[in-house]
């Protein structure tokens, strides 16, 4: 994987971490600020999304960058 692709992947992971932190903050706010108006259900939905994003981030972090072939990279560079 070339430098540009690695840089782009790092940028994606950084943005994903920011989204996760923001969603966690929103979930905590919902849990504390809207007590008794369905806050548990709402916070639970947000927490579920956080878990899904963490799963994606973990997969990106565990991806073997050496296994990404140049052919695969060329096939997908025009799609982004």
PDB file of N, CA and C in Angstrom:
ATOM      1  N   UNK A   1       0.868  -1.172   0.000  1.00  0.00           N
ATOM      2  CA  UNK A   1       0.000   0.000   0.000  1.00  0.00           C
ATOM      3  C   UNK A   1       0.909   1.227   0.000  1.00  0.00           C
ATOM      4  N   UNK A   2       0.619   2.149  -0.904  1.00  0.00           N
ATOM      5  CA  UNK A   2       1.488   3.311  -1.037  1.00  0.00           C
ATOM      6  C   UNK A   2       1.228   4.338   0.080  1.00  0.00           C
ATOM      7  N   UNK A   3       2.097   5.337   0.099  1.00  0.00           N
ATOM      8  CA  UNK A   3       2.023   6.357   1.149  1.00  0.00           C
ATOM      9  C   UNK A   3       0.669   7.066   1.162  1.00  0.00           C
ATOM     10  N   UNK A   4       0.169   7.431  -0.033  1.00  0.00           N
ATOM     11  CA  UNK A   4      -1.112   8.138  -0.107  1.00  0.00           C
ATOM     12  C   UNK A   4      -2.234   7.294   0.480  1.00  0.00           C
ATOM     13  N   UNK A   5      -2.264   6.017   0.124  1.00  0.00           N
ATOM     14  CA  UNK A   5      -3.316   5.128   0.628  1.00  0.00           C
ATOM     15  C   UNK A   5      -3.205   4.962   2.140  1.00  0.00           C
ATOM     16  N   UNK A   6      -1.995   4.814   2.647  1.00  0.00           N
ATOM     17  CA  UNK A   6      -1.806   4.696   4.100  1.00  0.00           C
ATOM     18  C   UNK A   6      -2.244   5.978   4.807  1.00  0.00           C
ATOM     19  N   UNK A   7      -1.920   7.107   4.208  1.00  0.00           N
ATOM     20  CA  UNK A   7      -2.312   8.387   4.783  1.00  0.00           C
ATOM     21  C   UNK A   7      -3.834   8.534   4.798  1.00  0.00           C
ATOM     22  N   UNK A   8      -4.464   8.129   3.716  1.00  0.00           N
ATOM     23  CA  UNK A   8      -5.928   8.194   3.628  1.00  0.00           C
ATOM     24  C   UNK A   8      -6.573   7.282   4.670  1.00  0.00           C
ATOM     25  N   UNK A   9      -6.022   6.090   4.836  1.00  0.00           N
ATOM     26  CA  UNK A   9      -6.534   5.158   5.838  1.00  0.00           C
ATOM     27  C   UNK A   9      -6.376   5.736   7.242  1.00  0.00           C
ATOM     28  N   UNK A  10      -5.245   6.347   7.524  1.00  0.00           N
ATOM     29  CA  UNK A  10      -5.025   6.970   8.832  1.00  0.00           C
ATOM     30  C   UNK A  10      -6.030   8.088   9.067  1.00  0.00           C
ATOM     31  N   UNK A  11      -6.318   8.846   8.029  1.00  0.00           N
ATOM     32  CA  UNK A  11      -7.299   9.920   8.134  1.00  0.00           C
ATOM     33  C   UNK A  11      -8.701   9.367   8.418  1.00  0.00           C
ATOM     34  N   UNK A  12      -9.052   8.301   7.740  1.00  0.00           N
ATOM     35  CA  UNK A  12     -10.356   7.655   7.966  1.00  0.00           C
ATOM     36  C   UNK A  12     -10.461   7.155   9.400  1.00  0.00           C
ATOM     37  N   UNK A  13      -9.414   6.514   9.885  1.00  0.00           N
ATOM     38  CA  UNK A  13      -9.443   5.987  11.255  1.00  0.00           C
ATOM     39  C   UNK A  13      -9.524   7.114  12.274  1.00  0.00           C
ATOM     40  N   UNK A  14      -8.832   8.197  12.022  1.00  0.00           N
ATOM     41  CA  UNK A  14      -8.883   9.344  12.929  1.00  0.00           C
ATOM     42  C   UNK A  14     -10.287   9.932  12.975  1.00  0.00           C
ATOM     43  N   UNK A  15     -10.898  10.085  11.811  1.00  0.00           N
ATOM     44  CA  UNK A  15     -12.264  10.616  11.745  1.00  0.00           C
ATOM     45  C   UNK A  15     -13.243   9.676  12.439  1.00  0.00           C
ATOM     46  N   UNK A  16     -13.048   8.389  12.256  1.00  0.00           N
ATOM     47  CA  UNK A  16     -13.909   7.405  12.906  1.00  0.00           C
ATOM     48  C   UNK A  16     -13.784   7.478  14.425  1.00  0.00           C
ATOM     49  N   UNK A  17     -12.565   7.653  14.924  1.00  0.00           N
ATOM     50  CA  UNK A  17     -12.370   7.814  16.374  1.00  0.00           C
ATOM     51  C   UNK A  17     -13.084   9.066  16.879  1.00  0.00           C
ATOM     52  N   UNK A  18     -13.034  10.149  16.109  1.00  0.00           N
ATOM     53  CA  UNK A  18     -13.726  11.384  16.495  1.00  0.00           C
ATOM     54  C   UNK A  18     -15.238  11.176  16.540  1.00  0.00           C
ATOM     55  N   UNK A  19     -15.761  10.473  15.561  1.00  0.00           N
ATOM     56  CA  UNK A  19     -17.201  10.193  15.533  1.00  0.00           C
ATOM     57  C   UNK A  19     -17.595   9.353  16.741  1.00  0.00           C
ATOM     58  N   UNK A  20     -16.795   8.357  17.063  1.00  0.00           N
ATOM     59  CA  UNK A  20     -17.077   7.500  18.217  1.00  0.00           C
ATOM     60  C   UNK A  20     -17.097   8.335  19.496  1.00  0.00           C
ATOM     61  N   UNK A  21     -16.102   9.202  19.685  1.00  0.00           N
ATOM     62  CA  UNK A  21     -16.068  10.041  20.888  1.00  0.00           C
ATOM     63  C   UNK A  21     -17.293  10.951  20.964  1.00  0.00           C
ATOM     64  N   UNK A  22     -17.678  11.531  19.844  1.00  0.00           N
ATOM     65  CA  UNK A  22     -18.838  12.426  19.817  1.00  0.00           C
ATOM     66  C   UNK A  22     -20.121  11.666  20.137  1.00  0.00           C
ATOM     67  N   UNK A  23     -20.277  10.483  19.579  1.00  0.00           N
ATOM     68  CA  UNK A  23     -21.465   9.678  19.865  1.00  0.00           C
ATOM     69  C   UNK A  23     -21.508   9.254  21.329  1.00  0.00           C
ATOM     70  N   UNK A  24     -20.348   8.917  21.892  1.00  0.00           N
ATOM     71  CA  UNK A  24     -20.307   8.579  23.313  1.00  0.00           C
ATOM     72  C   UNK A  24     -20.725   9.770  24.164  1.00  0.00           C
ATOM     73  N   UNK A  25     -20.279  10.947  23.793  1.00  0.00           N
ATOM     74  CA  UNK A  25     -20.654  12.152  24.517  1.00  0.00           C
ATOM     75  C   UNK A  25     -22.158  12.403  24.413  1.00  0.00           C
ATOM     76  N   UNK A  26     -22.707  12.230  23.221  1.00  0.00           N
ATOM     77  CA  UNK A  26     -24.150  12.408  23.031  1.00  0.00           C
ATOM     78  C   UNK A  26     -24.916  11.399  23.863  1.00  0.00           C
ATOM     79  N   UNK A  27     -24.480  10.156  23.842  1.00  0.00           N
ATOM     80  CA  UNK A  27     -25.144   9.109  24.617  1.00  0.00           C
ATOM     81  C   UNK A  27     -25.137   9.437  26.106  1.00  0.00           C
ATOM     82  N   UNK A  28     -23.993   9.881  26.612  1.00  0.00           N
ATOM     83  CA  UNK A  28     -23.908  10.247  28.034  1.00  0.00           C
ATOM     84  C   UNK A  28     -24.829  11.418  28.352  1.00  0.00           C
ATOM     85  N   UNK A  29     -24.899  12.387  27.441  1.00  0.00           N
ATOM     86  CA  UNK A  29     -25.790  13.523  27.638  1.00  0.00           C
ATOM     87  C   UNK A  29     -27.248  13.092  27.669  1.00  0.00           C
ATOM     88  N   UNK A  30     -27.620  12.200  26.764  1.00  0.00           N
ATOM     89  CA  UNK A  30     -28.996  11.696  26.728  1.00  0.00           C
ATOM     90  C   UNK A  30     -29.314  10.960  28.025  1.00  0.00           C
ATOM     91  N   UNK A  31     -28.382  10.146  28.480  1.00  0.00           N
ATOM     92  CA  UNK A  31     -28.604   9.373  29.711  1.00  0.00           C
ATOM     93  C   UNK A  31     -28.819  10.291  30.909  1.00  0.00           C
ATOM     94  N   UNK A  32     -28.106  11.410  30.947  1.00  0.00           N
ATOM     95  CA  UNK A  32     -28.147  12.284  32.119  1.00  0.00           C
ATOM     96  C   UNK A  32     -29.172  13.411  32.019  1.00  0.00           C
ATOM     97  N   UNK A  33     -29.362  13.953  30.826  1.00  0.00           N
ATOM     98  CA  UNK A  33     -30.172  15.161  30.680  1.00  0.00           C
ATOM     99  C   UNK A  33     -31.636  14.919  30.368  1.00  0.00           C
ATOM    100  N   UNK A  34     -31.978  13.731  29.904  1.00  0.00           N
ATOM    101  CA  UNK A  34     -33.351  13.484  29.484  1.00  0.00           C
ATOM    102  C   UNK A  34     -33.958  12.315  30.246  1.00  0.00           C
ATOM    103  N   UNK A  35     -33.661  12.229  31.500  1.00  0.00           N
ATOM    104  CA  UNK A  35     -34.129  11.120  32.330  1.00  0.00           C
ATOM    105  C   UNK A  35     -35.649  11.053  32.348  1.00  0.00           C
ATOM    106  N   UNK A  36     -36.151   9.850  32.114  1.00  0.00           N
ATOM    107  CA  UNK A  36     -37.586   9.614  32.224  1.00  0.00           C
ATOM    108  C   UNK A  36     -38.378   9.883  30.961  1.00  0.00           C
ATOM    109  N   UNK A  37     -37.736  10.247  29.867  1.00  0.00           N
ATOM    110  CA  UNK A  37     -38.464  10.504  28.624  1.00  0.00           C
ATOM    111  C   UNK A  37     -37.943   9.594  27.502  1.00  0.00           C
ATOM    112  N   UNK A  38     -37.698   8.344  27.816  1.00  0.00           N
ATOM    113  CA  UNK A  38     -37.198   7.394  26.829  1.00  0.00           C
ATOM    114  C   UNK A  38     -35.706   7.460  26.631  1.00  0.00           C
ATOM    115  N   UNK A  39     -35.022   8.057  27.595  1.00  0.00           N
ATOM    116  CA  UNK A  39     -33.582   8.251  27.440  1.00  0.00           C
ATOM    117  C   UNK A  39     -32.811   6.942  27.353  1.00  0.00           C
ATOM    118  N   UNK A  40     -33.242   5.931  28.094  1.00  0.00           N
ATOM    119  CA  UNK A  40     -32.509   4.659  28.073  1.00  0.00           C
ATOM    120  C   UNK A  40     -32.552   4.024  26.686  1.00  0.00           C
ATOM    121  N   UNK A  41     -33.725   4.045  26.075  1.00  0.00           N
ATOM    122  CA  UNK A  41     -33.867   3.456  24.744  1.00  0.00           C
ATOM    123  C   UNK A  41     -33.052   4.251  23.718  1.00  0.00           C
ATOM    124  N   UNK A  42     -33.127   5.552  23.790  1.00  0.00           N
ATOM    125  CA  UNK A  42     -32.372   6.408  22.871  1.00  0.00           C
ATOM    126  C   UNK A  42     -30.867   6.192  23.059  1.00  0.00           C
ATOM    127  N   UNK A  43     -30.405   6.229  24.291  1.00  0.00           N
ATOM    128  CA  UNK A  43     -28.978   6.041  24.573  1.00  0.00           C
ATOM    129  C   UNK A  43     -28.527   4.652  24.137  1.00  0.00           C
ATOM    130  N   UNK A  44     -29.383   3.665  24.311  1.00  0.00           N
ATOM    131  CA  UNK A  44     -29.053   2.301  23.897  1.00  0.00           C
ATOM    132  C   UNK A  44     -28.843   2.221  22.385  1.00  0.00           C
ATOM    133  N   UNK A  45     -29.665   2.922  21.619  1.00  0.00           N
ATOM    134  CA  UNK A  45     -29.494   2.949  20.160  1.00  0.00           C
ATOM    135  C   UNK A  45     -28.172   3.607  19.780  1.00  0.00           C
ATOM    136  N   UNK A  46     -27.844   4.696  20.445  1.00  0.00           N
ATOM    137  CA  UNK A  46     -26.576   5.379  20.168  1.00  0.00           C
ATOM    138  C   UNK A  46     -25.407   4.477  20.541  1.00  0.00           C
ATOM    139  N   UNK A  47     -25.514   3.815  21.696  1.00  0.00           N
ATOM    140  CA  UNK A  47     -24.449   2.909  22.136  1.00  0.00           C
ATOM    141  C   UNK A  47     -24.260   1.754  21.153  1.00  0.00           C
ATOM    142  N   UNK A  48     -25.350   1.287  20.565  1.00  0.00           N
ATOM    143  CA  UNK A  48     -25.265   0.229  19.558  1.00  0.00           C
ATOM    144  C   UNK A  48     -24.483   0.714  18.341  1.00  0.00           C
ATOM    145  N   UNK A  49     -24.733   1.936  17.937  1.00  0.00           N
ATOM    146  CA  UNK A  49     -23.998   2.518  16.815  1.00  0.00           C
ATOM    147  C   UNK A  49     -22.523   2.656  17.163  1.00  0.00           C
ATOM    148  N   UNK A  50     -22.233   3.078  18.382  1.00  0.00           N
ATOM    149  CA  UNK A  50     -20.838   3.185  18.834  1.00  0.00           C
ATOM    150  C   UNK A  50     -20.152   1.822  18.741  1.00  0.00           C
ATOM    151  N   UNK A  51     -20.838   0.775  19.197  1.00  0.00           N
ATOM    152  CA  UNK A  51     -20.250  -0.575  19.131  1.00  0.00           C
ATOM    153  C   UNK A  51     -19.951  -0.960  17.674  1.00  0.00           C
ATOM    154  N   UNK A  52     -20.872  -0.641  16.772  1.00  0.00           N
ATOM    155  CA  UNK A  52     -20.648  -0.967  15.359  1.00  0.00           C
ATOM    156  C   UNK A  52     -19.457  -0.200  14.807  1.00  0.00           C
ATOM    157  N   UNK A  53     -19.347   1.085  15.135  1.00  0.00           N
ATOM    158  CA  UNK A  53     -18.208   1.874  14.667  1.00  0.00           C
ATOM    159  C   UNK A  53     -16.902   1.374  15.269  1.00  0.00           C
ATOM    160  N   UNK A  54     -16.923   0.984  16.540  1.00  0.00           N
ATOM    161  CA  UNK A  54     -15.712   0.417  17.160  1.00  0.00           C
ATOM    162  C   UNK A  54     -15.291  -0.867  16.450  1.00  0.00           C
ATOM    163  N   UNK A  55     -16.272  -1.666  16.061  1.00  0.00           N
ATOM    164  CA  UNK A  55     -15.981  -2.899  15.338  1.00  0.00           C
ATOM    165  C   UNK A  55     -15.299  -2.589  14.005  1.00  0.00           C
ATOM    166  N   UNK A  56     -15.801  -1.601  13.283  1.00  0.00           N
ATOM    167  CA  UNK A  56     -15.185  -1.188  12.022  1.00  0.00           C
ATOM    168  C   UNK A  56     -13.767  -0.691  12.274  1.00  0.00           C
ATOM    169  N   UNK A  57     -13.595   0.146  13.302  1.00  0.00           N
ATOM    170  CA  UNK A  57     -12.269   0.670  13.618  1.00  0.00           C
ATOM    171  C   UNK A  57     -11.305  -0.463  13.966  1.00  0.00           C
ATOM    172  N   UNK A  58     -11.764  -1.431  14.743  1.00  0.00           N
ATOM    173  CA  UNK A  58     -10.910  -2.578  15.088  1.00  0.00           C
ATOM    174  C   UNK A  58     -10.495  -3.344  13.837  1.00  0.00           C
ATOM    175  N   UNK A  59     -11.430  -3.517  12.909  1.00  0.00           N
ATOM    176  CA  UNK A  59     -11.088  -4.225  11.668  1.00  0.00           C
ATOM    177  C   UNK A  59     -10.073  -3.433  10.861  1.00  0.00           C
ATOM    178  N   UNK A  60     -10.238  -2.127  10.815  1.00  0.00           N
ATOM    179  CA  UNK A  60      -9.260  -1.300  10.098  1.00  0.00           C
ATOM    180  C   UNK A  60      -7.899  -1.360  10.776  1.00  0.00           C
ATOM    181  N   UNK A  61      -7.891  -1.328  12.105  1.00  0.00           N
ATOM    182  CA  UNK A  61      -6.624  -1.379  12.844  1.00  0.00           C
ATOM    183  C   UNK A  61      -5.918  -2.717  12.682  1.00  0.00           C
ATOM    184  N   UNK A  62      -6.680  -3.790  12.479  1.00  0.00           N
ATOM    185  CA  UNK A  62      -6.096  -5.123  12.364  1.00  0.00           C
ATOM    186  C   UNK A  62      -5.852  -5.555  10.922  1.00  0.00           C
ATOM    187  N   UNK A  63      -6.148  -4.681   9.977  1.00  0.00           N
ATOM    188  CA  UNK A  63      -5.978  -5.007   8.576  1.00  0.00           C
ATOM    189  C   UNK A  63      -4.492  -5.119   8.244  1.00  0.00           C
ATOM    190  N   UNK A  64      -4.152  -6.169   7.531  1.00  0.00           N
ATOM    191  CA  UNK A  64      -2.774  -6.377   7.096  1.00  0.00           C
ATOM    192  C   UNK A  64      -2.544  -5.530   5.849  1.00  0.00           C
ATOM    193  N   UNK A  65      -1.882  -4.399   6.041  1.00  0.00           N
ATOM    194  CA  UNK A  65      -1.680  -3.479   4.929  1.00  0.00           C
ATOM    195  C   UNK A  65      -0.775  -4.061   3.854  1.00  0.00           C
ATOM    196  N   UNK A  66       0.048  -5.025   4.213  1.00  0.00           N
ATOM    197  CA  UNK A  66       0.911  -5.657   3.224  1.00  0.00           C
ATOM    198  C   UNK A  66       0.130  -6.592   2.314  1.00  0.00           C
ATOM    199  N   UNK A  67      -1.037  -7.031   2.756  1.00  0.00           N
ATOM    200  CA  UNK A  67      -1.849  -7.943   1.963  1.00  0.00           C
ATOM    201  C   UNK A  67      -2.677  -7.211   0.917  1.00  0.00           C
ATOM    202  N   UNK A  68      -2.767  -5.889   1.033  1.00  0.00           N
ATOM    203  CA  UNK A  68      -3.511  -5.115   0.052  1.00  0.00           C
ATOM    204  C   UNK A  68      -2.628  -4.974  -1.182  1.00  0.00           C
ATOM    205  N   UNK A  69      -3.055  -5.588  -2.253  1.00  0.00           N
ATOM    206  CA  UNK A  69      -2.220  -5.601  -3.453  1.00  0.00           C
ATOM    207  C   UNK A  69      -2.366  -4.309  -4.233  1.00  0.00           C
ATOM    208  N   UNK A  70      -1.390  -4.042  -5.046  1.00  0.00           N
ATOM    209  CA  UNK A  70      -1.436  -2.866  -5.909  1.00  0.00           C
ATOM    210  C   UNK A  70      -2.612  -2.964  -6.882  1.00  0.00           C
ATOM    211  N   UNK A  71      -2.905  -4.177  -7.344  1.00  0.00           N
ATOM    212  CA  UNK A  71      -4.030  -4.353  -8.257  1.00  0.00           C
ATOM    213  C   UNK A  71      -5.338  -3.954  -7.576  1.00  0.00           C
ATOM    214  N   UNK A  72      -5.527  -4.387  -6.331  1.00  0.00           N
ATOM    215  CA  UNK A  72      -6.728  -4.026  -5.579  1.00  0.00           C
ATOM    216  C   UNK A  72      -6.793  -2.510  -5.404  1.00  0.00           C
ATOM    217  N   UNK A  73      -5.677  -1.910  -5.064  1.00  0.00           N
ATOM    218  CA  UNK A  73      -5.632  -0.459  -4.866  1.00  0.00           C
ATOM    219  C   UNK A  73      -5.990   0.272  -6.156  1.00  0.00           C
ATOM    220  N   UNK A  74      -5.455  -0.179  -7.288  1.00  0.00           N
ATOM    221  CA  UNK A  74      -5.763   0.463  -8.571  1.00  0.00           C
ATOM    222  C   UNK A  74      -7.242   0.310  -8.928  1.00  0.00           C
ATOM    223  N   UNK A  75      -7.813  -0.851  -8.646  1.00  0.00           N
ATOM    224  CA  UNK A  75      -9.223  -1.093  -8.947  1.00  0.00           C
ATOM    225  C   UNK A  75     -10.121  -0.140  -8.166  1.00  0.00           C
ATOM    226  N   UNK A  76      -9.714   0.212  -6.953  1.00  0.00           N
ATOM    227  CA  UNK A  76     -10.581   0.995  -6.082  1.00  0.00           C
ATOM    228  C   UNK A  76     -10.233   2.478  -6.028  1.00  0.00           C
ATOM    229  N   UNK A  77      -9.122   2.881  -6.611  1.00  0.00           N
ATOM    230  CA  UNK A  77      -8.755   4.292  -6.553  1.00  0.00           C
ATOM    231  C   UNK A  77      -9.699   5.162  -7.366  1.00  0.00           C
ATOM    232  N   UNK A  78     -10.290   4.630  -8.402  1.00  0.00           N
ATOM    233  CA  UNK A  78     -11.221   5.399  -9.216  1.00  0.00           C
ATOM    234  C   UNK A  78     -12.624   5.430  -8.630  1.00  0.00           C
ATOM    235  N   UNK A  79     -12.888   4.593  -7.653  1.00  0.00           N
ATOM    236  CA  UNK A  79     -14.205   4.566  -7.017  1.00  0.00           C
ATOM    237  C   UNK A  79     -14.334   5.595  -5.902  1.00  0.00           C
ATOM    238  N   UNK A  80     -13.242   6.068  -5.343  1.00  0.00           N
ATOM    239  CA  UNK A  80     -13.265   6.996  -4.213  1.00  0.00           C
ATOM    240  C   UNK A  80     -13.298   8.370  -4.666  1.00  0.00           C
TER     241      UNK A  80
END
